[in-house]
């Protein structure tokens, strides 16, 4: 995953959620990811009625904002960084609806990183 840009990772997340919308059925939320460091950027994941859409930038007001480094985000997706441990250690910060952040763990848990 280190070989993938953050943009490619979000494209893959969107693709996988469109292929298998079951984890997001019934969810309506806008998640914002403020990713810092090398390859950092702002992305939003829009979930509504079983549909997923990723946008770069702050397209709409977010219900839940996740702040972390791009490297830690990729590690979290790979399963190398536990989201709860990241939150407790300050590597992951949440603004807004904490309940939605907890649901996000289940959504991204369905994600399989691209093969290198």
PDB file of N, CA and C in Angstrom:
ATOM      1  N   UNK A   1       0.828  -1.191   0.000  1.00  0.00           N
ATOM      2  CA  UNK A   1       0.000   0.000   0.000  1.00  0.00           C
ATOM      3  C   UNK A   1       0.865   1.243   0.000  1.00  0.00           C
ATOM      4  N   UNK A   2       2.073   1.131   0.514  1.00  0.00           N
ATOM      5  CA  UNK A   2       2.957   2.288   0.540  1.00  0.00           C
ATOM      6  C   UNK A   2       3.209   2.802  -0.873  1.00  0.00           C
ATOM      7  N   UNK A   3       3.050   1.929  -1.860  1.00  0.00           N
ATOM      8  CA  UNK A   3       3.270   2.324  -3.248  1.00  0.00           C
ATOM      9  C   UNK A   3       2.079   3.068  -3.831  1.00  0.00           C
ATOM     10  N   UNK A   4       0.959   3.063  -3.124  1.00  0.00           N
ATOM     11  CA  UNK A   4      -0.245   3.707  -3.621  1.00  0.00           C
ATOM     12  C   UNK A   4      -0.367   5.105  -3.046  1.00  0.00           C
ATOM     13  N   UNK A   5      -0.824   6.036  -3.885  1.00  0.00           N
ATOM     14  CA  UNK A   5      -1.073   7.380  -3.387  1.00  0.00           C
ATOM     15  C   UNK A   5      -2.367   7.376  -2.583  1.00  0.00           C
ATOM     16  N   UNK A   6      -2.535   8.406  -1.788  1.00  0.00           N
ATOM     17  CA  UNK A   6      -3.769   8.525  -1.015  1.00  0.00           C
ATOM     18  C   UNK A   6      -4.968   8.595  -1.953  1.00  0.00           C
ATOM     19  N   UNK A   7      -4.829   9.295  -3.070  1.00  0.00           N
ATOM     20  CA  UNK A   7      -5.926   9.392  -4.044  1.00  0.00           C
ATOM     21  C   UNK A   7      -6.304   8.011  -4.565  1.00  0.00           C
ATOM     22  N   UNK A   8      -5.311   7.181  -4.868  1.00  0.00           N
ATOM     23  CA  UNK A   8      -5.585   5.825  -5.359  1.00  0.00           C
ATOM     24  C   UNK A   8      -6.276   4.976  -4.292  1.00  0.00           C
ATOM     25  N   UNK A   9      -5.882   5.161  -3.041  1.00  0.00           N
ATOM     26  CA  UNK A   9      -6.507   4.416  -1.948  1.00  0.00           C
ATOM     27  C   UNK A   9      -7.985   4.784  -1.850  1.00  0.00           C
ATOM     28  N   UNK A  10      -8.305   6.075  -1.926  1.00  0.00           N
ATOM     29  CA  UNK A  10      -9.707   6.489  -1.841  1.00  0.00           C
ATOM     30  C   UNK A  10     -10.507   6.044  -3.061  1.00  0.00           C
ATOM     31  N   UNK A  11      -9.884   6.032  -4.237  1.00  0.00           N
ATOM     32  CA  UNK A  11     -10.563   5.507  -5.429  1.00  0.00           C
ATOM     33  C   UNK A  11     -10.907   4.038  -5.229  1.00  0.00           C
ATOM     34  N   UNK A  12      -9.990   3.304  -4.633  1.00  0.00           N
ATOM     35  CA  UNK A  12     -10.207   1.876  -4.391  1.00  0.00           C
ATOM     36  C   UNK A  12     -11.306   1.662  -3.343  1.00  0.00           C
ATOM     37  N   UNK A  13     -11.318   2.483  -2.304  1.00  0.00           N
ATOM     38  CA  UNK A  13     -12.373   2.384  -1.285  1.00  0.00           C
ATOM     39  C   UNK A  13     -13.732   2.601  -1.935  1.00  0.00           C
ATOM     40  N   UNK A  14     -13.837   3.653  -2.753  1.00  0.00           N
ATOM     41  CA  UNK A  14     -15.105   3.948  -3.434  1.00  0.00           C
ATOM     42  C   UNK A  14     -15.517   2.777  -4.331  1.00  0.00           C
ATOM     43  N   UNK A  15     -14.570   2.247  -5.089  1.00  0.00           N
ATOM     44  CA  UNK A  15     -14.846   1.125  -5.993  1.00  0.00           C
ATOM     45  C   UNK A  15     -15.350  -0.087  -5.213  1.00  0.00           C
ATOM     46  N   UNK A  16     -14.667  -0.422  -4.128  1.00  0.00           N
ATOM     47  CA  UNK A  16     -15.046  -1.604  -3.342  1.00  0.00           C
ATOM     48  C   UNK A  16     -16.412  -1.431  -2.687  1.00  0.00           C
ATOM     49  N   UNK A  17     -16.711  -0.231  -2.209  1.00  0.00           N
ATOM     50  CA  UNK A  17     -18.015  -0.001  -1.582  1.00  0.00           C
ATOM     51  C   UNK A  17     -19.137  -0.018  -2.618  1.00  0.00           C
ATOM     52  N   UNK A  18     -18.832   0.390  -3.845  1.00  0.00           N
ATOM     53  CA  UNK A  18     -19.841   0.307  -4.910  1.00  0.00           C
ATOM     54  C   UNK A  18     -20.075  -1.148  -5.310  1.00  0.00           C
ATOM     55  N   UNK A  19     -19.008  -1.947  -5.304  1.00  0.00           N
ATOM     56  CA  UNK A  19     -19.135  -3.368  -5.642  1.00  0.00           C
ATOM     57  C   UNK A  19     -19.875  -4.138  -4.550  1.00  0.00           C
ATOM     58  N   UNK A  20     -19.691  -3.728  -3.307  1.00  0.00           N
ATOM     59  CA  UNK A  20     -20.328  -4.398  -2.171  1.00  0.00           C
ATOM     60  C   UNK A  20     -20.887  -3.346  -1.206  1.00  0.00           C
ATOM     61  N   UNK A  21     -22.102  -2.836  -1.495  1.00  0.00           N
ATOM     62  CA  UNK A  21     -22.665  -1.767  -0.664  1.00  0.00           C
ATOM     63  C   UNK A  21     -23.269  -2.241   0.656  1.00  0.00           C
ATOM     64  N   UNK A  22     -23.265  -3.536   0.908  1.00  0.00           N
ATOM     65  CA  UNK A  22     -23.902  -4.063   2.126  1.00  0.00           C
ATOM     66  C   UNK A  22     -23.437  -3.360   3.408  1.00  0.00           C
ATOM     67  N   UNK A  23     -22.126  -3.108   3.601  1.00  0.00           N
ATOM     68  CA  UNK A  23     -21.689  -2.467   4.849  1.00  0.00           C
ATOM     69  C   UNK A  23     -22.226  -1.046   5.040  1.00  0.00           C
ATOM     70  N   UNK A  24     -22.676  -0.413   3.959  1.00  0.00           N
ATOM     71  CA  UNK A  24     -23.129   0.979   4.085  1.00  0.00           C
ATOM     72  C   UNK A  24     -24.631   1.139   3.889  1.00  0.00           C
ATOM     73  N   UNK A  25     -25.348   0.026   3.757  1.00  0.00           N
ATOM     74  CA  UNK A  25     -26.799   0.112   3.613  1.00  0.00           C
ATOM     75  C   UNK A  25     -27.393   0.770   4.850  1.00  0.00           C
ATOM     76  N   UNK A  26     -28.290   1.716   4.632  1.00  0.00           N
ATOM     77  CA  UNK A  26     -28.947   2.404   5.732  1.00  0.00           C
ATOM     78  C   UNK A  26     -28.131   3.534   6.343  1.00  0.00           C
ATOM     79  N   UNK A  27     -26.910   3.724   5.882  1.00  0.00           N
ATOM     80  CA  UNK A  27     -26.078   4.811   6.416  1.00  0.00           C
ATOM     81  C   UNK A  27     -26.263   6.070   5.592  1.00  0.00           C
ATOM     82  N   UNK A  28     -26.299   7.193   6.280  1.00  0.00           N
ATOM     83  CA  UNK A  28     -26.332   8.492   5.616  1.00  0.00           C
ATOM     84  C   UNK A  28     -25.382   9.388   6.393  1.00  0.00           C
ATOM     85  N   UNK A  29     -24.230   9.646   5.818  1.00  0.00           N
ATOM     86  CA  UNK A  29     -23.212  10.426   6.520  1.00  0.00           C
ATOM     87  C   UNK A  29     -22.178  10.952   5.536  1.00  0.00           C
ATOM     88  N   UNK A  30     -21.552  12.039   5.939  1.00  0.00           N
ATOM     89  CA  UNK A  30     -20.405  12.560   5.204  1.00  0.00           C
ATOM     90  C   UNK A  30     -19.218  12.510   6.153  1.00  0.00           C
ATOM     91  N   UNK A  31     -18.237  11.700   5.777  1.00  0.00           N
ATOM     92  CA  UNK A  31     -17.000  11.583   6.540  1.00  0.00           C
ATOM     93  C   UNK A  31     -15.938  12.427   5.853  1.00  0.00           C
ATOM     94  N   UNK A  32     -15.211  13.183   6.635  1.00  0.00           N
ATOM     95  CA  UNK A  32     -14.095  13.943   6.083  1.00  0.00           C
ATOM     96  C   UNK A  32     -12.805  13.402   6.680  1.00  0.00           C
ATOM     97  N   UNK A  33     -11.813  13.236   5.824  1.00  0.00           N
ATOM     98  CA  UNK A  33     -10.506  12.756   6.244  1.00  0.00           C
ATOM     99  C   UNK A  33      -9.501  13.878   6.009  1.00  0.00           C
ATOM    100  N   UNK A  34      -8.999  14.459   7.084  1.00  0.00           N
ATOM    101  CA  UNK A  34      -7.948  15.470   7.010  1.00  0.00           C
ATOM    102  C   UNK A  34      -6.633  14.734   7.222  1.00  0.00           C
ATOM    103  N   UNK A  35      -5.976  14.396   6.124  1.00  0.00           N
ATOM    104  CA  UNK A  35      -4.752  13.600   6.189  1.00  0.00           C
ATOM    105  C   UNK A  35      -3.543  14.504   5.983  1.00  0.00           C
ATOM    106  N   UNK A  36      -2.632  14.467   6.935  1.00  0.00           N
ATOM    107  CA  UNK A  36      -1.463  15.337   6.892  1.00  0.00           C
ATOM    108  C   UNK A  36      -0.224  14.545   6.487  1.00  0.00           C
ATOM    109  N   UNK A  37       0.881  15.267   6.351  1.00  0.00           N
ATOM    110  CA  UNK A  37       2.151  14.627   6.020  1.00  0.00           C
ATOM    111  C   UNK A  37       2.298  14.401   4.530  1.00  0.00           C
ATOM    112  N   UNK A  38       3.301  13.602   4.193  1.00  0.00           N
ATOM    113  CA  UNK A  38       3.561  13.299   2.791  1.00  0.00           C
ATOM    114  C   UNK A  38       2.340  12.629   2.171  1.00  0.00           C
ATOM    115  N   UNK A  39       1.910  13.101   1.019  1.00  0.00           N
ATOM    116  CA  UNK A  39       0.743  12.591   0.291  1.00  0.00           C
ATOM    117  C   UNK A  39      -0.572  12.898   1.023  1.00  0.00           C
ATOM    118  N   UNK A  40      -0.539  13.846   1.943  1.00  0.00           N
ATOM    119  CA  UNK A  40      -1.744  14.224   2.673  1.00  0.00           C
ATOM    120  C   UNK A  40      -2.659  15.097   1.829  1.00  0.00           C
ATOM    121  N   UNK A  41      -3.927  15.082   2.157  1.00  0.00           N
ATOM    122  CA  UNK A  41      -4.937  15.888   1.478  1.00  0.00           C
ATOM    123  C   UNK A  41      -6.235  15.751   2.269  1.00  0.00           C
ATOM    124  N   UNK A  42      -7.250  16.465   1.822  1.00  0.00           N
ATOM    125  CA  UNK A  42      -8.575  16.354   2.430  1.00  0.00           C
ATOM    126  C   UNK A  42      -9.472  15.581   1.470  1.00  0.00           C
ATOM    127  N   UNK A  43     -10.125  14.556   1.987  1.00  0.00           N
ATOM    128  CA  UNK A  43     -11.069  13.752   1.205  1.00  0.00           C
ATOM    129  C   UNK A  43     -12.367  13.637   1.976  1.00  0.00           C
ATOM    130  N   UNK A  44     -13.453  13.518   1.233  1.00  0.00           N
ATOM    131  CA  UNK A  44     -14.743  13.248   1.849  1.00  0.00           C
ATOM    132  C   UNK A  44     -15.316  11.967   1.266  1.00  0.00           C
ATOM    133  N   UNK A  45     -15.903  11.175   2.147  1.00  0.00           N
ATOM    134  CA  UNK A  45     -16.607   9.956   1.763  1.00  0.00           C
ATOM    135  C   UNK A  45     -18.080  10.201   2.053  1.00  0.00           C
ATOM    136  N   UNK A  46     -18.875  10.294   0.986  1.00  0.00           N
ATOM    137  CA  UNK A  46     -20.312  10.543   1.104  1.00  0.00           C
ATOM    138  C   UNK A  46     -21.038   9.204   1.021  1.00  0.00           C
ATOM    139  N   UNK A  47     -21.789   8.879   2.062  1.00  0.00           N
ATOM    140  CA  UNK A  47     -22.568   7.644   2.098  1.00  0.00           C
ATOM    141  C   UNK A  47     -24.041   8.001   2.204  1.00  0.00           C
ATOM    142  N   UNK A  48     -24.843   7.452   1.300  1.00  0.00           N
ATOM    143  CA  UNK A  48     -26.287   7.696   1.337  1.00  0.00           C
ATOM    144  C   UNK A  48     -27.007   6.578   0.598  1.00  0.00           C
ATOM    145  N   UNK A  49     -27.949   5.957   1.281  1.00  0.00           N
ATOM    146  CA  UNK A  49     -28.813   4.947   0.667  1.00  0.00           C
ATOM    147  C   UNK A  49     -28.030   3.842  -0.048  1.00  0.00           C
ATOM    148  N   UNK A  50     -26.970   3.365   0.565  1.00  0.00           N
ATOM    149  CA  UNK A  50     -26.190   2.278  -0.017  1.00  0.00           C
ATOM    150  C   UNK A  50     -25.252   2.703  -1.130  1.00  0.00           C
ATOM    151  N   UNK A  51     -25.088   4.006  -1.322  1.00  0.00           N
ATOM    152  CA  UNK A  51     -24.190   4.512  -2.358  1.00  0.00           C
ATOM    153  C   UNK A  51     -22.998   5.200  -1.702  1.00  0.00           C
ATOM    154  N   UNK A  52     -21.842   5.090  -2.339  1.00  0.00           N
ATOM    155  CA  UNK A  52     -20.617   5.711  -1.835  1.00  0.00           C
ATOM    156  C   UNK A  52     -20.014   6.600  -2.912  1.00  0.00           C
ATOM    157  N   UNK A  53     -19.563   7.772  -2.486  1.00  0.00           N
ATOM    158  CA  UNK A  53     -18.916   8.696  -3.413  1.00  0.00           C
ATOM    159  C   UNK A  53     -17.766   9.369  -2.674  1.00  0.00           C
ATOM    160  N   UNK A  54     -16.607   9.427  -3.304  1.00  0.00           N
ATOM    161  CA  UNK A  54     -15.437  10.077  -2.718  1.00  0.00           C
ATOM    162  C   UNK A  54     -15.170  11.369  -3.473  1.00  0.00           C
ATOM    163  N   UNK A  55     -14.882  12.425  -2.725  1.00  0.00           N
ATOM    164  CA  UNK A  55     -14.512  13.705  -3.331  1.00  0.00           C
ATOM    165  C   UNK A  55     -13.274  14.230  -2.631  1.00  0.00           C
ATOM    166  N   UNK A  56     -12.408  14.873  -3.395  1.00  0.00           N
ATOM    167  CA  UNK A  56     -11.256  15.517  -2.777  1.00  0.00           C
ATOM    168  C   UNK A  56     -11.654  16.931  -2.405  1.00  0.00           C
ATOM    169  N   UNK A  57     -11.246  17.368  -1.227  1.00  0.00           N
ATOM    170  CA  UNK A  57     -11.582  18.699  -0.743  1.00  0.00           C
ATOM    171  C   UNK A  57     -12.814  18.681   0.145  1.00  0.00           C
ATOM    172  N   UNK A  58     -13.186  19.864   0.601  1.00  0.00           N
ATOM    173  CA  UNK A  58     -14.333  20.007   1.497  1.00  0.00           C
ATOM    174  C   UNK A  58     -15.562  20.384   0.680  1.00  0.00           C
ATOM    175  N   UNK A  59     -16.192  19.401   0.072  1.00  0.00           N
ATOM    176  CA  UNK A  59     -17.331  19.640  -0.812  1.00  0.00           C
ATOM    177  C   UNK A  59     -18.605  19.981  -0.045  1.00  0.00           C
ATOM    178  N   UNK A  60     -18.731  19.467   1.168  1.00  0.00           N
ATOM    179  CA  UNK A  60     -19.950  19.674   1.956  1.00  0.00           C
ATOM    180  C   UNK A  60     -19.583  19.621   3.437  1.00  0.00           C
ATOM    181  N   UNK A  61     -20.452  20.152   4.300  1.00  0.00           N
ATOM    182  CA  UNK A  61     -20.182  20.050   5.740  1.00  0.00           C
ATOM    183  C   UNK A  61     -20.148  18.578   6.172  1.00  0.00           C
ATOM    184  N   UNK A  62     -19.129  18.216   6.920  1.00  0.00           N
ATOM    185  CA  UNK A  62     -18.948  16.820   7.339  1.00  0.00           C
ATOM    186  C   UNK A  62     -19.686  16.536   8.642  1.00  0.00           C
ATOM    187  N   UNK A  63     -20.217  15.313   8.740  1.00  0.00           N
ATOM    188  CA  UNK A  63     -20.830  14.849   9.985  1.00  0.00           C
ATOM    189  C   UNK A  63     -19.756  14.371  10.961  1.00  0.00           C
ATOM    190  N   UNK A  64     -18.661  13.869  10.413  1.00  0.00           N
ATOM    191  CA  UNK A  64     -17.581  13.311  11.221  1.00  0.00           C
ATOM    192  C   UNK A  64     -16.262  13.555  10.489  1.00  0.00           C
ATOM    193  N   UNK A  65     -15.300  14.139  11.184  1.00  0.00           N
ATOM    194  CA  UNK A  65     -13.993  14.409  10.587  1.00  0.00           C
ATOM    195  C   UNK A  65     -12.927  13.586  11.297  1.00  0.00           C
ATOM    196  N   UNK A  66     -12.131  12.895  10.501  1.00  0.00           N
ATOM    197  CA  UNK A  66     -11.028  12.076  10.992  1.00  0.00           C
ATOM    198  C   UNK A  66      -9.732  12.792  10.637  1.00  0.00           C
ATOM    199  N   UNK A  67      -8.885  13.023  11.631  1.00  0.00           N
ATOM    200  CA  UNK A  67      -7.606  13.682  11.395  1.00  0.00           C
ATOM    201  C   UNK A  67      -6.479  12.727  11.762  1.00  0.00           C
ATOM    202  N   UNK A  68      -5.579  12.512  10.814  1.00  0.00           N
ATOM    203  CA  UNK A  68      -4.399  11.670  11.045  1.00  0.00           C
ATOM    204  C   UNK A  68      -3.438  11.857   9.881  1.00  0.00           C
ATOM    205  N   UNK A  69      -2.263  11.252   9.963  1.00  0.00           N
ATOM    206  CA  UNK A  69      -1.342  11.339   8.835  1.00  0.00           C
ATOM    207  C   UNK A  69      -1.788  10.357   7.749  1.00  0.00           C
ATOM    208  N   UNK A  70      -1.409  10.656   6.532  1.00  0.00           N
ATOM    209  CA  UNK A  70      -1.739   9.761   5.415  1.00  0.00           C
ATOM    210  C   UNK A  70      -1.097   8.389   5.634  1.00  0.00           C
ATOM    211  N   UNK A  71       0.121   8.367   6.161  1.00  0.00           N
ATOM    212  CA  UNK A  71       0.818   7.095   6.402  1.00  0.00           C
ATOM    213  C   UNK A  71       0.075   6.260   7.446  1.00  0.00           C
ATOM    214  N   UNK A  72      -0.390   6.903   8.527  1.00  0.00           N
ATOM    215  CA  UNK A  72      -1.136   6.172   9.555  1.00  0.00           C
ATOM    216  C   UNK A  72      -2.472   5.672   9.009  1.00  0.00           C
ATOM    217  N   UNK A  73      -3.106   6.461   8.148  1.00  0.00           N
ATOM    218  CA  UNK A  73      -4.372   6.044   7.546  1.00  0.00           C
ATOM    219  C   UNK A  73      -4.172   4.767   6.728  1.00  0.00           C
ATOM    220  N   UNK A  74      -3.120   4.748   5.918  1.00  0.00           N
ATOM    221  CA  UNK A  74      -2.830   3.561   5.107  1.00  0.00           C
ATOM    222  C   UNK A  74      -2.515   2.366   6.006  1.00  0.00           C
ATOM    223  N   UNK A  75      -1.744   2.600   7.074  1.00  0.00           N
ATOM    224  CA  UNK A  75      -1.441   1.517   8.023  1.00  0.00           C
ATOM    225  C   UNK A  75      -2.713   0.981   8.667  1.00  0.00           C
ATOM    226  N   UNK A  76      -3.643   1.869   8.966  1.00  0.00           N
ATOM    227  CA  UNK A  76      -4.901   1.455   9.576  1.00  0.00           C
ATOM    228  C   UNK A  76      -5.691   0.567   8.614  1.00  0.00           C
ATOM    229  N   UNK A  77      -5.730   0.939   7.342  1.00  0.00           N
ATOM    230  CA  UNK A  77      -6.448   0.132   6.356  1.00  0.00           C
ATOM    231  C   UNK A  77      -5.813  -1.241   6.174  1.00  0.00           C
ATOM    232  N   UNK A  78      -4.505  -1.296   6.301  1.00  0.00           N
ATOM    233  CA  UNK A  78      -3.797  -2.569   6.158  1.00  0.00           C
ATOM    234  C   UNK A  78      -3.944  -3.455   7.391  1.00  0.00           C
ATOM    235  N   UNK A  79      -4.467  -2.881   8.470  1.00  0.00           N
ATOM    236  CA  UNK A  79      -4.596  -3.641   9.706  1.00  0.00           C
ATOM    237  C   UNK A  79      -3.358  -3.574  10.578  1.00  0.00           C
ATOM    238  N   UNK A  80      -2.398  -2.722  10.202  1.00  0.00           N
ATOM    239  CA  UNK A  80      -1.170  -2.576  10.981  1.00  0.00           C
ATOM    240  C   UNK A  80      -1.311  -1.568  12.118  1.00  0.00           C
ATOM    241  N   UNK A  81      -2.414  -0.814  12.122  1.00  0.00           N
ATOM    242  CA  UNK A  81      -2.664   0.179  13.160  1.00  0.00           C
ATOM    243  C   UNK A  81      -4.110   0.034  13.605  1.00  0.00           C
ATOM    244  N   UNK A  82      -4.302  -0.316  14.855  1.00  0.00           N
ATOM    245  CA  UNK A  82      -5.641  -0.477  15.413  1.00  0.00           C
ATOM    246  C   UNK A  82      -6.277   0.901  15.591  1.00  0.00           C
ATOM    247  N   UNK A  83      -7.489   1.120  15.045  1.00  0.00           N
ATOM    248  CA  UNK A  83      -8.124   2.436  15.151  1.00  0.00           C
ATOM    249  C   UNK A  83      -8.309   2.906  16.592  1.00  0.00           C
ATOM    250  N   UNK A  84      -8.688   2.013  17.488  1.00  0.00           N
ATOM    251  CA  UNK A  84      -8.888   2.398  18.887  1.00  0.00           C
ATOM    252  C   UNK A  84      -7.564   2.807  19.526  1.00  0.00           C
ATOM    253  N   UNK A  85      -6.523   2.036  19.274  1.00  0.00           N
ATOM    254  CA  UNK A  85      -5.198   2.368  19.808  1.00  0.00           C
ATOM    255  C   UNK A  85      -4.704   3.687  19.222  1.00  0.00           C
ATOM    256  N   UNK A  86      -4.959   3.910  17.932  1.00  0.00           N
ATOM    257  CA  UNK A  86      -4.556   5.163  17.286  1.00  0.00           C
ATOM    258  C   UNK A  86      -5.270   6.349  17.929  1.00  0.00           C
ATOM    259  N   UNK A  87      -6.552   6.181  18.235  1.00  0.00           N
ATOM    260  CA  UNK A  87      -7.332   7.238  18.877  1.00  0.00           C
ATOM    261  C   UNK A  87      -6.788   7.518  20.278  1.00  0.00           C
ATOM    262  N   UNK A  88      -6.553   6.464  21.039  1.00  0.00           N
ATOM    263  CA  UNK A  88      -6.086   6.617  22.423  1.00  0.00           C
ATOM    264  C   UNK A  88      -4.688   7.240  22.490  1.00  0.00           C
ATOM    265  N   UNK A  89      -3.857   6.979  21.485  1.00  0.00           N
ATOM    266  CA  UNK A  89      -2.491   7.509  21.487  1.00  0.00           C
ATOM    267  C   UNK A  89      -2.395   8.889  20.836  1.00  0.00           C
ATOM    268  N   UNK A  90      -3.515   9.380  20.297  1.00  0.00           N
ATOM    269  CA  UNK A  90      -3.510  10.701  19.674  1.00  0.00           C
ATOM    270  C   UNK A  90      -3.124  10.699  18.206  1.00  0.00           C
ATOM    271  N   UNK A  91      -2.883   9.528  17.624  1.00  0.00           N
ATOM    272  CA  UNK A  91      -2.557   9.459  16.195  1.00  0.00           C
ATOM    273  C   UNK A  91      -3.788   9.705  15.336  1.00  0.00           C
ATOM    274  N   UNK A  92      -4.956   9.451  15.902  1.00  0.00           N
ATOM    275  CA  UNK A  92      -6.221   9.634  15.196  1.00  0.00           C
ATOM    276  C   UNK A  92      -7.093  10.540  16.057  1.00  0.00           C
ATOM    277  N   UNK A  93      -7.580  11.620  15.457  1.00  0.00           N
ATOM    278  CA  UNK A  93      -8.464  12.543  16.168  1.00  0.00           C
ATOM    279  C   UNK A  93      -9.799  12.580  15.446  1.00  0.00           C
ATOM    280  N   UNK A  94     -10.863  12.689  16.220  1.00  0.00           N
ATOM    281  CA  UNK A  94     -12.212  12.708  15.660  1.00  0.00           C
ATOM    282  C   UNK A  94     -12.893  14.002  16.064  1.00  0.00           C
ATOM    283  N   UNK A  95     -13.499  14.658  15.080  1.00  0.00           N
ATOM    284  CA  UNK A  95     -14.334  15.826  15.344  1.00  0.00           C
ATOM    285  C   UNK A  95     -15.731  15.494  14.849  1.00  0.00           C
ATOM    286  N   UNK A  96     -16.725  15.906  15.612  1.00  0.00           N
ATOM    287  CA  UNK A  96     -18.099  15.633  15.192  1.00  0.00           C
ATOM    288  C   UNK A  96     -18.630  14.383  15.859  1.00  0.00           C
ATOM    289  N   UNK A  97     -19.406  13.629  15.122  1.00  0.00           N
ATOM    290  CA  UNK A  97     -20.149  12.488  15.642  1.00  0.00           C
ATOM    291  C   UNK A  97     -19.234  11.280  15.876  1.00  0.00           C
ATOM    292  N   UNK A  98     -18.943  11.000  17.146  1.00  0.00           N
ATOM    293  CA  UNK A  98     -18.066   9.879  17.492  1.00  0.00           C
ATOM    294  C   UNK A  98     -18.711   8.537  17.152  1.00  0.00           C
ATOM    295  N   UNK A  99     -20.035   8.460  17.244  1.00  0.00           N
ATOM    296  CA  UNK A  99     -20.751   7.235  16.884  1.00  0.00           C
ATOM    297  C   UNK A  99     -20.539   6.879  15.421  1.00  0.00           C
ATOM    298  N   UNK A 100     -20.537   7.901  14.557  1.00  0.00           N
ATOM    299  CA  UNK A 100     -20.271   7.656  13.132  1.00  0.00           C
ATOM    300  C   UNK A 100     -18.837   7.179  12.924  1.00  0.00           C
ATOM    301  N   UNK A 101     -17.920   7.706  13.714  1.00  0.00           N
ATOM    302  CA  UNK A 101     -16.524   7.266  13.602  1.00  0.00           C
ATOM    303  C   UNK A 101     -16.416   5.781  13.933  1.00  0.00           C
ATOM    304  N   UNK A 102     -17.170   5.342  14.931  1.00  0.00           N
ATOM    305  CA  UNK A 102     -17.135   3.929  15.303  1.00  0.00           C
ATOM    306  C   UNK A 102     -17.745   3.062  14.203  1.00  0.00           C
ATOM    307  N   UNK A 103     -18.787   3.556  13.538  1.00  0.00           N
ATOM    308  CA  UNK A 103     -19.381   2.812  12.420  1.00  0.00           C
ATOM    309  C   UNK A 103     -18.409   2.726  11.249  1.00  0.00           C
ATOM    310  N   UNK A 104     -17.610   3.772  11.083  1.00  0.00           N
ATOM    311  CA  UNK A 104     -16.649   3.797   9.980  1.00  0.00           C
ATOM    312  C   UNK A 104     -15.657   2.644  10.093  1.00  0.00           C
ATOM    313  N   UNK A 105     -15.315   2.277  11.309  1.00  0.00           N
ATOM    314  CA  UNK A 105     -14.396   1.158  11.516  1.00  0.00           C
ATOM    315  C   UNK A 105     -14.961  -0.107  10.879  1.00  0.00           C
ATOM    316  N   UNK A 106     -16.266  -0.321  11.009  1.00  0.00           N
ATOM    317  CA  UNK A 106     -16.898  -1.494  10.394  1.00  0.00           C
ATOM    318  C   UNK A 106     -16.913  -1.381   8.875  1.00  0.00           C
ATOM    319  N   UNK A 107     -17.158  -0.175   8.365  1.00  0.00           N
ATOM    320  CA  UNK A 107     -17.198   0.038   6.914  1.00  0.00           C
ATOM    321  C   UNK A 107     -15.821  -0.213   6.305  1.00  0.00           C
ATOM    322  N   UNK A 108     -14.798   0.407   6.871  1.00  0.00           N
ATOM    323  CA  UNK A 108     -13.454   0.255   6.313  1.00  0.00           C
ATOM    324  C   UNK A 108     -12.880  -1.123   6.598  1.00  0.00           C
ATOM    325  N   UNK A 109     -13.434  -1.808   7.574  1.00  0.00           N
ATOM    326  CA  UNK A 109     -13.015  -3.176   7.848  1.00  0.00           C
ATOM    327  C   UNK A 109     -13.377  -4.115   6.709  1.00  0.00           C
ATOM    328  N   UNK A 110     -14.342  -3.706   5.883  1.00  0.00           N
ATOM    329  CA  UNK A 110     -14.746  -4.491   4.718  1.00  0.00           C
ATOM    330  C   UNK A 110     -13.790  -4.278   3.544  1.00  0.00           C
ATOM    331  N   UNK A 111     -12.971  -3.260   3.668  1.00  0.00           N
ATOM    332  CA  UNK A 111     -12.071  -2.874   2.593  1.00  0.00           C
ATOM    333  C   UNK A 111     -10.862  -3.796   2.562  1.00  0.00           C
ATOM    334  N   UNK A 112     -10.531  -4.250   1.387  1.00  0.00           N
ATOM    335  CA  UNK A 112      -9.302  -5.019   1.212  1.00  0.00           C
ATOM    336  C   UNK A 112      -8.344  -4.166   0.403  1.00  0.00           C
ATOM    337  N   UNK A 113      -7.158  -3.920   0.924  1.00  0.00           N
ATOM    338  CA  UNK A 113      -6.219  -3.076   0.195  1.00  0.00           C
ATOM    339  C   UNK A 113      -5.850  -3.666  -1.160  1.00  0.00           C
ATOM    340  N   UNK A 114      -5.512  -2.807  -2.115  1.00  0.00           N
ATOM    341  CA  UNK A 114      -5.093  -3.296  -3.425  1.00  0.00           C
ATOM    342  C   UNK A 114      -3.840  -4.150  -3.304  1.00  0.00           C
ATOM    343  N   UNK A 115      -3.738  -5.116  -4.140  1.00  0.00           N
ATOM    344  CA  UNK A 115      -2.567  -6.003  -4.144  1.00  0.00           C
ATOM    345  C   UNK A 115      -1.424  -5.333  -4.893  1.00  0.00           C
ATOM    346  N   UNK A 116      -0.224  -5.516  -4.383  1.00  0.00           N
ATOM    347  CA  UNK A 116       0.938  -4.917  -5.053  1.00  0.00           C
ATOM    348  C   UNK A 116       1.531  -5.887  -6.043  1.00  0.00           C
TER     349      UNK A 116
END
